[in-house]
């Protein structure tokens, strides 16, 4: 039987509800539990793509619109959701080199950018030779975005925070301005996001999941 301290069993909605009950008294522990849950799904996606994808979708739907998200966050690419050939290749590459470190948010300005490694500038110059990243104390900053609340494209009955790159003139048109991230808060500073890609027809296709956590 699931108790008030047992968050390892039950449906995603039940587990998240228990985490949120604990959040007022144990915010750090709750964030760590939610983060470990996502890490477990990241690991599982290597051997059970469809199962992990289904549970990530279920977990995403328990989320709420982030409120007051401000400052730097740490991030991970949980998994891509393209096809059985490309996903393992992306997993192998990113296990050896992951240029993305997380995001920064400016709540007052409803904007932000992405935290990148210093080495990411090499790949950026190859893909987008005219795009210039910004220097930061711990690496680089790139790909500015606007944030706002909207219905999800993949979950039209769910309100999400949209991370929108399309209207930023400095962003590369190749890939970046076709990305729409959608973010929800799972519990106590732990966030799950969907990566959506806008097709030439204007439709959005889910191509992956990412996760963020606040630093304190």
N, C-alpha and C. Protein backbone atom coordinates (compact mmCIF):
# COMPACT_ATOMS: atom_id res chain seq x y z
N UNK A 1 0.85 -1.21 0.00
CA UNK A 1 0.00 0.00 0.00
C UNK A 1 0.88 1.25 0.00
N UNK A 2 0.56 2.24 -0.84
CA UNK A 2 1.32 3.47 -0.90
C UNK A 2 1.03 4.34 0.31
N UNK A 3 2.07 4.82 0.97
CA UNK A 3 1.90 5.68 2.13
C UNK A 3 2.32 7.09 1.79
N UNK A 4 2.23 7.98 2.78
CA UNK A 4 2.56 9.38 2.53
C UNK A 4 4.04 9.59 2.25
N UNK A 5 4.88 8.60 2.56
CA UNK A 5 6.31 8.74 2.32
C UNK A 5 6.79 7.83 1.20
N UNK A 6 5.89 7.04 0.61
CA UNK A 6 6.27 6.12 -0.45
C UNK A 6 5.91 6.73 -1.79
N UNK A 7 6.91 7.18 -2.52
CA UNK A 7 6.66 7.80 -3.82
C UNK A 7 7.23 6.97 -4.95
N UNK A 8 7.49 5.70 -4.70
CA UNK A 8 8.13 4.87 -5.72
C UNK A 8 7.15 3.96 -6.44
N UNK A 9 5.87 3.99 -6.07
CA UNK A 9 4.88 3.14 -6.72
C UNK A 9 3.61 3.93 -6.97
N UNK A 10 2.70 3.32 -7.75
CA UNK A 10 1.46 3.99 -8.10
C UNK A 10 1.57 4.67 -9.44
N UNK A 11 0.47 5.28 -9.88
CA UNK A 11 0.47 5.99 -11.15
C UNK A 11 1.31 7.25 -11.04
N UNK A 12 1.64 7.86 -12.18
CA UNK A 12 2.40 9.10 -12.16
C UNK A 12 1.68 10.18 -11.37
N UNK A 13 0.37 10.28 -11.57
CA UNK A 13 -0.41 11.30 -10.86
C UNK A 13 -0.37 11.07 -9.35
N UNK A 14 -0.46 9.82 -8.91
CA UNK A 14 -0.41 9.51 -7.48
C UNK A 14 0.95 9.83 -6.90
N UNK A 15 2.01 9.48 -7.62
CA UNK A 15 3.36 9.72 -7.13
C UNK A 15 3.65 11.22 -7.05
N UNK A 16 3.22 11.97 -8.06
CA UNK A 16 3.45 13.41 -8.05
C UNK A 16 2.66 14.07 -6.93
N UNK A 17 1.43 13.61 -6.70
CA UNK A 17 0.62 14.17 -5.61
C UNK A 17 1.32 13.99 -4.26
N UNK A 18 1.93 12.83 -4.05
CA UNK A 18 2.65 12.58 -2.80
C UNK A 18 3.88 13.48 -2.69
N UNK A 19 4.58 13.67 -3.79
CA UNK A 19 5.73 14.55 -3.77
C UNK A 19 5.31 15.98 -3.40
N UNK A 20 4.22 16.44 -3.97
CA UNK A 20 3.78 17.81 -3.70
C UNK A 20 3.32 17.97 -2.26
N UNK A 21 2.79 16.91 -1.66
CA UNK A 21 2.42 16.97 -0.24
C UNK A 21 3.64 17.19 0.63
N UNK A 22 4.77 16.61 0.23
CA UNK A 22 6.00 16.70 1.01
C UNK A 22 6.78 17.98 0.73
N UNK A 23 6.46 18.65 -0.38
CA UNK A 23 7.31 19.74 -0.86
C UNK A 23 7.46 20.88 0.14
N UNK A 24 6.41 21.20 0.88
CA UNK A 24 6.48 22.33 1.81
C UNK A 24 7.48 22.08 2.93
N UNK A 25 7.66 20.83 3.31
CA UNK A 25 8.53 20.49 4.43
C UNK A 25 9.89 19.94 3.99
N UNK A 26 9.95 19.35 2.80
CA UNK A 26 11.18 18.73 2.33
C UNK A 26 11.46 19.11 0.88
N UNK A 27 11.58 20.39 0.57
CA UNK A 27 11.72 20.79 -0.84
C UNK A 27 12.94 20.19 -1.52
N UNK A 28 14.08 20.16 -0.84
CA UNK A 28 15.29 19.62 -1.46
C UNK A 28 15.16 18.13 -1.73
N UNK A 29 14.60 17.40 -0.77
CA UNK A 29 14.43 15.96 -0.93
C UNK A 29 13.43 15.65 -2.04
N UNK A 30 12.37 16.44 -2.12
CA UNK A 30 11.36 16.24 -3.16
C UNK A 30 11.95 16.51 -4.54
N UNK A 31 12.72 17.58 -4.66
CA UNK A 31 13.36 17.87 -5.94
C UNK A 31 14.28 16.72 -6.35
N UNK A 32 15.06 16.20 -5.42
CA UNK A 32 15.98 15.11 -5.72
C UNK A 32 15.22 13.85 -6.13
N UNK A 33 14.10 13.56 -5.46
CA UNK A 33 13.30 12.39 -5.81
C UNK A 33 12.73 12.52 -7.22
N UNK A 34 12.19 13.70 -7.54
CA UNK A 34 11.64 13.92 -8.88
C UNK A 34 12.74 13.84 -9.93
N UNK A 35 13.90 14.39 -9.63
CA UNK A 35 15.01 14.37 -10.58
C UNK A 35 15.49 12.94 -10.83
N UNK A 36 15.57 12.15 -9.76
CA UNK A 36 16.00 10.76 -9.91
C UNK A 36 14.99 9.97 -10.73
N UNK A 37 13.73 10.28 -10.59
CA UNK A 37 12.68 9.64 -11.39
C UNK A 37 12.93 9.88 -12.87
N UNK A 38 13.23 11.12 -13.21
CA UNK A 38 13.51 11.45 -14.61
C UNK A 38 14.79 10.76 -15.08
N UNK A 39 15.82 10.74 -14.24
CA UNK A 39 17.05 10.05 -14.60
C UNK A 39 16.82 8.56 -14.85
N UNK A 40 15.95 7.96 -14.05
CA UNK A 40 15.62 6.55 -14.25
C UNK A 40 14.94 6.34 -15.60
N UNK A 41 14.07 7.26 -15.98
CA UNK A 41 13.40 7.16 -17.28
C UNK A 41 14.38 7.41 -18.42
N UNK A 42 15.34 8.29 -18.20
CA UNK A 42 16.39 8.50 -19.20
C UNK A 42 17.16 7.20 -19.44
N UNK A 43 17.51 6.53 -18.37
CA UNK A 43 18.23 5.26 -18.49
C UNK A 43 17.35 4.19 -19.15
N UNK A 44 16.11 4.15 -18.76
CA UNK A 44 15.19 3.15 -19.30
C UNK A 44 14.95 3.34 -20.79
N UNK A 45 15.02 4.59 -21.26
CA UNK A 45 14.75 4.87 -22.67
C UNK A 45 15.73 4.18 -23.60
N UNK A 46 16.90 3.80 -23.07
CA UNK A 46 17.87 3.11 -23.89
C UNK A 46 17.46 1.70 -24.26
N UNK A 47 16.66 1.05 -23.41
CA UNK A 47 16.25 -0.32 -23.67
C UNK A 47 14.75 -0.47 -23.93
N UNK A 48 13.97 0.55 -23.56
CA UNK A 48 12.52 0.49 -23.70
C UNK A 48 12.01 1.86 -24.15
N UNK A 49 12.27 2.20 -25.41
CA UNK A 49 11.93 3.53 -25.93
C UNK A 49 10.46 3.85 -25.77
N UNK A 50 9.61 2.92 -26.21
CA UNK A 50 8.17 3.18 -26.19
C UNK A 50 7.63 3.26 -24.77
N UNK A 51 8.11 2.38 -23.90
CA UNK A 51 7.64 2.40 -22.51
C UNK A 51 8.06 3.66 -21.79
N UNK A 52 9.32 4.07 -21.97
CA UNK A 52 9.80 5.29 -21.33
C UNK A 52 9.07 6.51 -21.89
N UNK A 53 8.84 6.53 -23.20
CA UNK A 53 8.13 7.64 -23.82
C UNK A 53 6.72 7.76 -23.25
N UNK A 54 6.04 6.63 -23.09
CA UNK A 54 4.67 6.64 -22.56
C UNK A 54 4.65 7.16 -21.12
N UNK A 55 5.63 6.74 -20.30
CA UNK A 55 5.66 7.19 -18.91
C UNK A 55 6.04 8.67 -18.82
N UNK A 56 6.94 9.11 -19.69
CA UNK A 56 7.29 10.53 -19.71
C UNK A 56 6.09 11.38 -20.11
N UNK A 57 5.32 10.90 -21.08
CA UNK A 57 4.09 11.61 -21.46
C UNK A 57 3.12 11.68 -20.28
N UNK A 58 2.99 10.56 -19.57
CA UNK A 58 2.09 10.52 -18.41
C UNK A 58 2.58 11.49 -17.33
N UNK A 59 3.88 11.48 -17.09
CA UNK A 59 4.45 12.38 -16.08
C UNK A 59 4.27 13.83 -16.49
N UNK A 60 4.50 14.14 -17.75
CA UNK A 60 4.34 15.51 -18.24
C UNK A 60 2.93 16.01 -17.99
N UNK A 61 1.96 15.17 -18.17
CA UNK A 61 0.57 15.58 -18.03
C UNK A 61 0.16 15.84 -16.59
N UNK A 62 1.00 15.45 -15.63
CA UNK A 62 0.72 15.78 -14.22
C UNK A 62 1.23 17.18 -13.87
N UNK A 63 2.01 17.78 -14.78
CA UNK A 63 2.69 19.03 -14.47
C UNK A 63 1.78 20.24 -14.46
N UNK A 64 2.30 21.31 -13.87
CA UNK A 64 1.60 22.59 -13.81
C UNK A 64 2.48 23.66 -14.46
N UNK A 65 1.87 24.78 -14.82
CA UNK A 65 2.62 25.88 -15.44
C UNK A 65 3.63 26.42 -14.43
N UNK A 66 4.91 26.50 -14.77
CA UNK A 66 5.89 27.06 -13.84
C UNK A 66 5.57 28.52 -13.51
N UNK A 67 5.68 28.87 -12.24
CA UNK A 67 5.43 30.23 -11.79
C UNK A 67 6.71 30.80 -11.16
N UNK A 68 7.10 31.98 -11.58
CA UNK A 68 8.24 32.63 -10.96
C UNK A 68 9.57 31.96 -11.24
N UNK A 69 9.67 31.21 -12.31
CA UNK A 69 10.94 30.56 -12.65
C UNK A 69 11.92 31.63 -13.10
N UNK A 70 13.02 31.78 -12.36
CA UNK A 70 13.93 32.89 -12.59
C UNK A 70 15.36 32.45 -12.32
N UNK A 71 16.27 32.90 -13.18
CA UNK A 71 17.67 32.58 -12.97
C UNK A 71 18.10 31.31 -13.68
N UNK A 72 19.31 30.81 -13.36
CA UNK A 72 19.84 29.65 -14.07
C UNK A 72 19.23 28.34 -13.59
N UNK A 73 19.14 27.40 -14.51
CA UNK A 73 18.74 26.03 -14.18
C UNK A 73 19.75 25.07 -14.80
N UNK A 74 19.88 23.90 -14.19
CA UNK A 74 20.66 22.82 -14.78
C UNK A 74 19.73 21.95 -15.61
N UNK A 75 20.23 21.44 -16.74
CA UNK A 75 19.36 20.67 -17.62
C UNK A 75 19.99 19.40 -18.14
N UNK A 76 19.13 18.46 -18.51
CA UNK A 76 19.57 17.24 -19.18
C UNK A 76 18.63 16.96 -20.35
N UNK A 77 19.18 16.40 -21.41
CA UNK A 77 18.35 15.83 -22.46
C UNK A 77 17.96 14.44 -21.99
N UNK A 78 16.66 14.22 -21.78
CA UNK A 78 16.21 12.92 -21.27
C UNK A 78 16.25 11.88 -22.38
N UNK A 79 15.62 12.18 -23.50
CA UNK A 79 15.62 11.26 -24.63
C UNK A 79 15.07 11.97 -25.85
N UNK A 80 15.44 11.49 -27.02
CA UNK A 80 14.79 11.93 -28.24
C UNK A 80 13.71 10.92 -28.61
N UNK A 81 12.74 11.35 -29.41
CA UNK A 81 11.59 10.50 -29.73
C UNK A 81 11.32 10.56 -31.24
N UNK A 82 12.35 10.32 -32.01
CA UNK A 82 12.21 10.42 -33.46
C UNK A 82 11.94 9.06 -34.09
N UNK A 83 12.95 8.18 -34.11
CA UNK A 83 12.75 6.84 -34.66
C UNK A 83 13.79 5.90 -34.09
N UNK A 84 13.61 4.62 -34.37
CA UNK A 84 14.44 3.58 -33.76
C UNK A 84 15.88 3.60 -34.24
N UNK A 85 16.17 4.31 -35.33
CA UNK A 85 17.54 4.40 -35.84
C UNK A 85 18.24 5.64 -35.27
N UNK A 86 17.58 6.78 -35.35
CA UNK A 86 18.20 8.04 -34.95
C UNK A 86 18.35 8.17 -33.43
N UNK A 87 17.35 7.73 -32.67
CA UNK A 87 17.39 7.92 -31.22
C UNK A 87 18.62 7.27 -30.57
N UNK A 88 18.94 6.00 -30.89
CA UNK A 88 20.16 5.42 -30.29
C UNK A 88 21.42 6.15 -30.69
N UNK A 89 21.46 6.68 -31.91
CA UNK A 89 22.64 7.42 -32.36
C UNK A 89 22.80 8.71 -31.54
N UNK A 90 21.69 9.42 -31.33
CA UNK A 90 21.73 10.64 -30.52
C UNK A 90 22.15 10.31 -29.10
N UNK A 91 21.62 9.22 -28.57
CA UNK A 91 21.96 8.80 -27.21
C UNK A 91 23.46 8.53 -27.08
N UNK A 92 24.03 7.84 -28.07
CA UNK A 92 25.45 7.52 -28.03
C UNK A 92 26.31 8.78 -28.10
N UNK A 93 25.94 9.69 -28.98
CA UNK A 93 26.72 10.93 -29.14
C UNK A 93 26.65 11.79 -27.88
N UNK A 94 25.44 11.97 -27.35
CA UNK A 94 25.28 12.85 -26.20
C UNK A 94 25.83 12.24 -24.91
N UNK A 95 26.00 10.92 -24.88
CA UNK A 95 26.63 10.31 -23.71
C UNK A 95 28.12 10.64 -23.66
N UNK A 96 28.69 10.96 -24.82
CA UNK A 96 30.10 11.31 -24.89
C UNK A 96 30.32 12.83 -24.86
N UNK A 97 29.38 13.57 -25.45
CA UNK A 97 29.52 15.02 -25.51
C UNK A 97 28.15 15.67 -25.53
N UNK A 98 27.87 16.44 -24.49
CA UNK A 98 26.60 17.15 -24.39
C UNK A 98 26.89 18.64 -24.24
N UNK A 99 26.70 19.43 -25.30
CA UNK A 99 27.03 20.86 -25.24
C UNK A 99 26.04 21.69 -24.45
N UNK A 100 24.83 21.19 -24.26
CA UNK A 100 23.79 21.96 -23.58
C UNK A 100 23.83 21.70 -22.08
N UNK A 101 23.80 22.75 -21.26
CA UNK A 101 23.90 22.62 -19.81
C UNK A 101 22.63 22.98 -19.06
N UNK A 102 21.73 23.69 -19.72
CA UNK A 102 20.51 24.13 -19.04
C UNK A 102 20.01 25.43 -19.63
N UNK A 103 19.15 26.11 -18.90
CA UNK A 103 18.58 27.38 -19.38
C UNK A 103 18.65 28.43 -18.28
N UNK A 104 18.61 29.70 -18.72
CA UNK A 104 18.45 30.82 -17.80
C UNK A 104 17.11 31.49 -18.10
N UNK A 105 16.43 31.90 -17.05
CA UNK A 105 15.14 32.55 -17.20
C UNK A 105 15.17 33.94 -16.58
N UNK A 106 14.52 34.88 -17.25
CA UNK A 106 14.28 36.22 -16.71
C UNK A 106 12.77 36.35 -16.59
N UNK A 107 12.28 36.10 -15.40
CA UNK A 107 10.83 36.07 -15.19
C UNK A 107 10.19 37.42 -15.51
N UNK A 108 10.83 38.51 -15.10
CA UNK A 108 10.24 39.83 -15.30
C UNK A 108 10.13 40.18 -16.78
N UNK A 109 11.12 39.75 -17.57
CA UNK A 109 11.13 40.07 -18.99
C UNK A 109 10.49 38.98 -19.84
N UNK A 110 10.04 37.88 -19.22
CA UNK A 110 9.45 36.75 -19.94
C UNK A 110 10.37 36.30 -21.07
N UNK A 111 11.62 36.08 -20.71
CA UNK A 111 12.62 35.71 -21.71
C UNK A 111 13.70 34.85 -21.08
N UNK A 112 14.68 34.47 -21.89
CA UNK A 112 15.79 33.67 -21.37
C UNK A 112 16.72 33.25 -22.48
N UNK A 113 17.65 32.37 -22.12
CA UNK A 113 18.59 31.83 -23.08
C UNK A 113 19.09 30.47 -22.60
N UNK A 114 19.95 29.85 -23.39
CA UNK A 114 20.45 28.51 -23.09
C UNK A 114 21.90 28.55 -22.64
N UNK A 115 22.20 27.78 -21.62
CA UNK A 115 23.55 27.65 -21.09
C UNK A 115 24.27 26.54 -21.85
N UNK A 116 25.39 26.87 -22.46
CA UNK A 116 26.14 25.94 -23.29
C UNK A 116 27.57 25.80 -22.78
N UNK A 117 28.23 24.70 -23.14
CA UNK A 117 29.64 24.54 -22.82
C UNK A 117 30.48 25.41 -23.73
N UNK A 118 31.70 25.69 -23.29
CA UNK A 118 32.61 26.47 -24.12
C UNK A 118 32.88 25.77 -25.45
N UNK A 119 33.00 24.44 -25.41
CA UNK A 119 33.31 23.69 -26.62
C UNK A 119 32.19 23.71 -27.65
N UNK A 120 30.98 24.08 -27.23
CA UNK A 120 29.84 24.09 -28.16
C UNK A 120 30.01 25.12 -29.26
N UNK A 121 30.87 26.12 -29.05
CA UNK A 121 31.04 27.16 -30.05
C UNK A 121 31.66 26.62 -31.34
N UNK A 122 32.42 25.52 -31.23
CA UNK A 122 33.02 24.92 -32.42
C UNK A 122 31.93 24.35 -33.33
N UNK A 123 31.01 23.55 -32.73
CA UNK A 123 29.91 22.99 -33.51
C UNK A 123 29.00 24.08 -34.03
N UNK A 124 28.79 25.12 -33.23
CA UNK A 124 27.92 26.22 -33.64
C UNK A 124 28.46 26.90 -34.90
N UNK A 125 29.77 27.10 -34.96
CA UNK A 125 30.35 27.76 -36.13
C UNK A 125 30.20 26.91 -37.39
N UNK A 126 30.21 25.59 -37.22
CA UNK A 126 30.03 24.71 -38.38
C UNK A 126 28.59 24.73 -38.88
N UNK A 127 27.64 24.70 -37.94
CA UNK A 127 26.23 24.66 -38.31
C UNK A 127 25.69 26.03 -38.68
N UNK A 128 26.09 27.04 -37.91
CA UNK A 128 25.56 28.40 -38.09
C UNK A 128 26.73 29.38 -38.11
N UNK A 129 27.46 29.48 -39.21
CA UNK A 129 28.71 30.25 -39.24
C UNK A 129 28.55 31.73 -38.93
N UNK A 130 27.36 32.29 -39.11
CA UNK A 130 27.17 33.72 -38.86
C UNK A 130 26.56 34.00 -37.48
N UNK A 131 26.30 32.94 -36.72
CA UNK A 131 25.71 33.12 -35.39
C UNK A 131 26.82 33.22 -34.34
N UNK A 132 26.67 34.14 -33.41
CA UNK A 132 27.67 34.33 -32.38
C UNK A 132 27.08 34.08 -30.99
N UNK A 133 27.66 33.14 -30.29
CA UNK A 133 27.28 32.91 -28.90
C UNK A 133 27.85 34.01 -28.01
N UNK A 134 27.27 34.14 -26.81
CA UNK A 134 27.76 35.12 -25.85
C UNK A 134 28.62 34.42 -24.80
N UNK A 135 29.63 35.10 -24.32
CA UNK A 135 30.49 34.55 -23.28
C UNK A 135 29.79 34.59 -21.93
N UNK A 136 30.03 33.58 -21.11
CA UNK A 136 29.50 33.53 -19.76
C UNK A 136 30.59 33.01 -18.84
N UNK A 137 30.41 33.18 -17.56
CA UNK A 137 31.43 32.78 -16.59
C UNK A 137 31.70 31.28 -16.64
N UNK A 138 30.65 30.49 -16.89
CA UNK A 138 30.82 29.03 -16.89
C UNK A 138 30.64 28.42 -18.27
N UNK A 139 30.83 29.20 -19.34
CA UNK A 139 30.69 28.65 -20.68
C UNK A 139 30.20 29.68 -21.67
N UNK A 140 29.14 29.33 -22.38
CA UNK A 140 28.56 30.20 -23.39
C UNK A 140 27.05 30.33 -23.15
N UNK A 141 26.46 31.37 -23.73
CA UNK A 141 25.02 31.56 -23.73
C UNK A 141 24.55 31.69 -25.17
N UNK A 142 23.42 31.07 -25.48
CA UNK A 142 22.98 31.06 -26.87
C UNK A 142 21.47 30.87 -26.97
N UNK A 143 20.95 31.16 -28.16
CA UNK A 143 19.57 30.85 -28.54
C UNK A 143 18.56 31.45 -27.55
N UNK A 144 18.44 32.77 -27.62
CA UNK A 144 17.48 33.48 -26.77
C UNK A 144 16.06 33.00 -27.06
N UNK A 145 15.21 33.16 -26.07
CA UNK A 145 13.80 32.77 -26.24
C UNK A 145 12.88 33.69 -25.47
N UNK A 146 11.61 33.65 -25.86
CA UNK A 146 10.53 34.30 -25.12
C UNK A 146 9.73 33.23 -24.40
N UNK A 147 9.12 33.59 -23.28
CA UNK A 147 8.27 32.64 -22.55
C UNK A 147 6.87 33.21 -22.38
N UNK A 148 5.90 32.31 -22.43
CA UNK A 148 4.51 32.69 -22.19
C UNK A 148 3.69 31.43 -21.92
N UNK A 149 2.52 31.61 -21.39
CA UNK A 149 1.62 30.48 -21.08
C UNK A 149 0.69 30.23 -22.26
N UNK A 150 0.46 28.96 -22.54
CA UNK A 150 -0.40 28.61 -23.68
C UNK A 150 -0.89 27.17 -23.49
N UNK A 151 -1.84 26.77 -24.31
CA UNK A 151 -2.22 25.36 -24.39
C UNK A 151 -1.11 24.60 -25.09
N UNK A 152 -0.84 23.38 -24.65
CA UNK A 152 0.19 22.59 -25.28
C UNK A 152 -0.20 22.18 -26.70
N UNK A 153 0.77 22.15 -27.59
CA UNK A 153 0.51 21.67 -28.94
C UNK A 153 0.32 20.16 -28.96
N UNK A 154 1.10 19.45 -28.14
CA UNK A 154 0.98 18.01 -28.04
C UNK A 154 -0.10 17.60 -27.06
N UNK A 155 -0.43 18.51 -26.13
CA UNK A 155 -1.45 18.26 -25.09
C UNK A 155 -2.37 19.48 -25.04
N UNK A 156 -3.31 19.61 -25.97
CA UNK A 156 -4.10 20.83 -26.07
C UNK A 156 -5.00 21.12 -24.87
N UNK A 157 -5.20 20.14 -24.00
CA UNK A 157 -6.00 20.35 -22.80
C UNK A 157 -5.15 20.68 -21.59
N UNK A 158 -3.84 20.91 -21.79
CA UNK A 158 -2.91 21.17 -20.70
C UNK A 158 -2.25 22.53 -20.89
N UNK A 159 -2.23 23.35 -19.84
CA UNK A 159 -1.54 24.62 -19.90
C UNK A 159 -0.06 24.41 -19.61
N UNK A 160 0.79 25.07 -20.39
CA UNK A 160 2.23 24.89 -20.29
C UNK A 160 2.92 26.25 -20.39
N UNK A 161 4.19 26.28 -20.01
CA UNK A 161 5.04 27.42 -20.34
C UNK A 161 5.68 27.14 -21.69
N UNK A 162 5.48 28.03 -22.63
CA UNK A 162 6.10 27.90 -23.95
C UNK A 162 7.45 28.62 -23.93
N UNK A 163 8.46 27.95 -24.44
CA UNK A 163 9.78 28.53 -24.64
C UNK A 163 9.93 28.66 -26.15
N UNK A 164 9.83 29.90 -26.64
CA UNK A 164 9.63 30.16 -28.06
C UNK A 164 10.85 30.86 -28.67
N UNK A 165 11.43 30.23 -29.68
CA UNK A 165 12.63 30.76 -30.35
C UNK A 165 12.30 31.46 -31.67
N UNK A 166 11.08 31.34 -32.12
CA UNK A 166 10.74 31.69 -33.51
C UNK A 166 10.90 33.17 -33.82
N UNK A 167 10.56 34.06 -32.87
CA UNK A 167 10.51 35.48 -33.17
C UNK A 167 11.78 36.24 -32.77
N UNK A 168 12.83 35.51 -32.43
CA UNK A 168 14.10 36.15 -32.09
C UNK A 168 14.95 36.22 -33.37
N UNK A 169 15.14 37.41 -33.88
CA UNK A 169 15.80 37.58 -35.18
C UNK A 169 17.22 37.03 -35.21
N UNK A 170 17.92 37.10 -34.07
CA UNK A 170 19.30 36.63 -34.05
C UNK A 170 19.42 35.11 -34.06
N UNK A 171 18.36 34.40 -33.73
CA UNK A 171 18.42 32.94 -33.71
C UNK A 171 18.56 32.38 -35.13
N UNK A 172 19.36 31.33 -35.30
CA UNK A 172 19.49 30.72 -36.63
C UNK A 172 18.16 30.19 -37.14
N UNK A 173 17.91 30.40 -38.43
CA UNK A 173 16.70 29.86 -39.03
C UNK A 173 16.77 28.35 -39.17
N UNK A 174 17.97 27.82 -39.36
CA UNK A 174 18.15 26.38 -39.47
C UNK A 174 17.91 25.74 -38.12
N UNK A 175 16.84 24.99 -38.00
CA UNK A 175 16.46 24.20 -36.82
C UNK A 175 15.96 25.07 -35.66
N UNK A 176 16.79 25.99 -35.16
CA UNK A 176 16.50 26.65 -33.88
C UNK A 176 15.16 27.38 -33.89
N UNK A 177 14.87 28.15 -34.94
CA UNK A 177 13.64 28.93 -34.95
C UNK A 177 12.40 28.08 -35.24
N UNK A 178 12.62 26.79 -35.51
CA UNK A 178 11.49 25.86 -35.68
C UNK A 178 11.20 25.09 -34.41
N UNK A 179 11.98 25.33 -33.33
CA UNK A 179 11.79 24.62 -32.07
C UNK A 179 10.80 25.36 -31.18
N UNK A 180 9.92 24.62 -30.58
CA UNK A 180 9.03 25.14 -29.53
C UNK A 180 9.15 24.19 -28.35
N UNK A 181 9.76 24.65 -27.26
CA UNK A 181 9.81 23.86 -26.03
C UNK A 181 8.57 24.15 -25.20
N UNK A 182 8.06 23.11 -24.56
CA UNK A 182 6.94 23.28 -23.62
C UNK A 182 7.36 22.71 -22.28
N UNK A 183 7.16 23.48 -21.22
CA UNK A 183 7.69 23.13 -19.91
C UNK A 183 6.59 23.11 -18.85
N UNK A 184 6.66 22.11 -17.97
CA UNK A 184 5.77 22.05 -16.80
C UNK A 184 6.61 21.77 -15.56
N UNK A 185 6.08 22.18 -14.42
CA UNK A 185 6.74 21.86 -13.14
C UNK A 185 6.14 20.59 -12.58
N UNK A 186 7.01 19.64 -12.25
CA UNK A 186 6.54 18.39 -11.64
C UNK A 186 6.39 18.57 -10.14
N UNK A 187 7.45 19.03 -9.49
CA UNK A 187 7.39 19.29 -8.05
C UNK A 187 8.65 20.02 -7.61
N UNK A 188 8.49 21.01 -6.73
CA UNK A 188 9.60 21.63 -5.99
C UNK A 188 10.84 21.91 -6.81
N UNK A 189 10.71 22.68 -7.86
CA UNK A 189 11.87 23.07 -8.63
C UNK A 189 12.40 22.03 -9.59
N UNK A 190 11.61 21.03 -9.90
CA UNK A 190 11.97 20.02 -10.90
C UNK A 190 10.97 20.12 -12.05
N UNK A 191 11.49 20.25 -13.27
CA UNK A 191 10.67 20.55 -14.44
C UNK A 191 10.91 19.55 -15.55
N UNK A 192 9.85 19.25 -16.29
CA UNK A 192 9.95 18.36 -17.43
C UNK A 192 9.48 19.12 -18.67
N UNK A 193 10.23 18.97 -19.76
CA UNK A 193 9.89 19.69 -20.98
C UNK A 193 9.77 18.77 -22.18
N UNK A 194 8.96 19.19 -23.13
CA UNK A 194 8.87 18.53 -24.42
C UNK A 194 9.52 19.41 -25.47
N UNK A 195 10.25 18.79 -26.38
CA UNK A 195 10.84 19.49 -27.51
C UNK A 195 9.97 19.22 -28.73
N UNK A 196 9.40 20.27 -29.29
CA UNK A 196 8.54 20.14 -30.46
C UNK A 196 9.21 20.82 -31.66
N UNK A 197 8.99 20.25 -32.83
CA UNK A 197 9.57 20.81 -34.06
C UNK A 197 8.44 21.19 -35.01
N UNK A 198 8.49 22.42 -35.49
CA UNK A 198 7.46 22.90 -36.42
C UNK A 198 7.83 22.47 -37.84
N UNK A 199 6.96 21.70 -38.46
CA UNK A 199 7.19 21.21 -39.81
C UNK A 199 6.87 22.30 -40.84
N UNK A 200 7.29 22.12 -42.09
CA UNK A 200 6.97 23.13 -43.12
C UNK A 200 5.47 23.38 -43.28
N UNK A 201 4.65 22.42 -42.91
CA UNK A 201 3.19 22.59 -43.00
C UNK A 201 2.62 23.32 -41.79
N UNK A 202 3.46 23.62 -40.80
CA UNK A 202 2.99 24.34 -39.63
C UNK A 202 2.54 23.46 -38.49
N UNK A 203 2.64 22.15 -38.66
CA UNK A 203 2.31 21.24 -37.58
C UNK A 203 3.51 21.09 -36.64
N UNK A 204 3.24 20.58 -35.44
CA UNK A 204 4.31 20.36 -34.46
C UNK A 204 4.45 18.87 -34.17
N UNK A 205 5.69 18.40 -34.20
CA UNK A 205 5.97 17.01 -33.89
C UNK A 205 6.89 16.95 -32.68
N UNK A 206 6.56 16.07 -31.74
CA UNK A 206 7.41 15.89 -30.56
C UNK A 206 8.68 15.14 -30.97
N UNK A 207 9.83 15.72 -30.64
CA UNK A 207 11.08 15.06 -31.00
C UNK A 207 11.94 14.72 -29.78
N UNK A 208 11.45 15.02 -28.57
CA UNK A 208 12.23 14.65 -27.40
C UNK A 208 11.70 15.24 -26.11
N UNK A 209 12.36 14.85 -25.03
CA UNK A 209 12.08 15.37 -23.69
C UNK A 209 13.37 15.91 -23.09
N UNK A 210 13.25 16.97 -22.30
CA UNK A 210 14.37 17.46 -21.51
C UNK A 210 13.88 17.74 -20.09
N UNK A 211 14.80 17.93 -19.17
CA UNK A 211 14.42 18.23 -17.80
C UNK A 211 15.31 19.33 -17.25
N UNK A 212 14.75 20.14 -16.35
CA UNK A 212 15.48 21.23 -15.70
C UNK A 212 15.30 21.13 -14.20
N UNK A 213 16.28 21.64 -13.49
CA UNK A 213 16.14 21.78 -12.04
C UNK A 213 16.78 23.09 -11.61
N UNK A 214 16.19 23.73 -10.60
CA UNK A 214 16.76 24.96 -10.08
C UNK A 214 17.96 24.63 -9.20
N UNK A 215 18.77 25.66 -8.97
CA UNK A 215 20.02 25.44 -8.24
C UNK A 215 19.92 25.68 -6.74
N UNK A 216 18.76 26.04 -6.29
CA UNK A 216 18.68 26.30 -4.87
C UNK A 216 17.40 27.01 -4.48
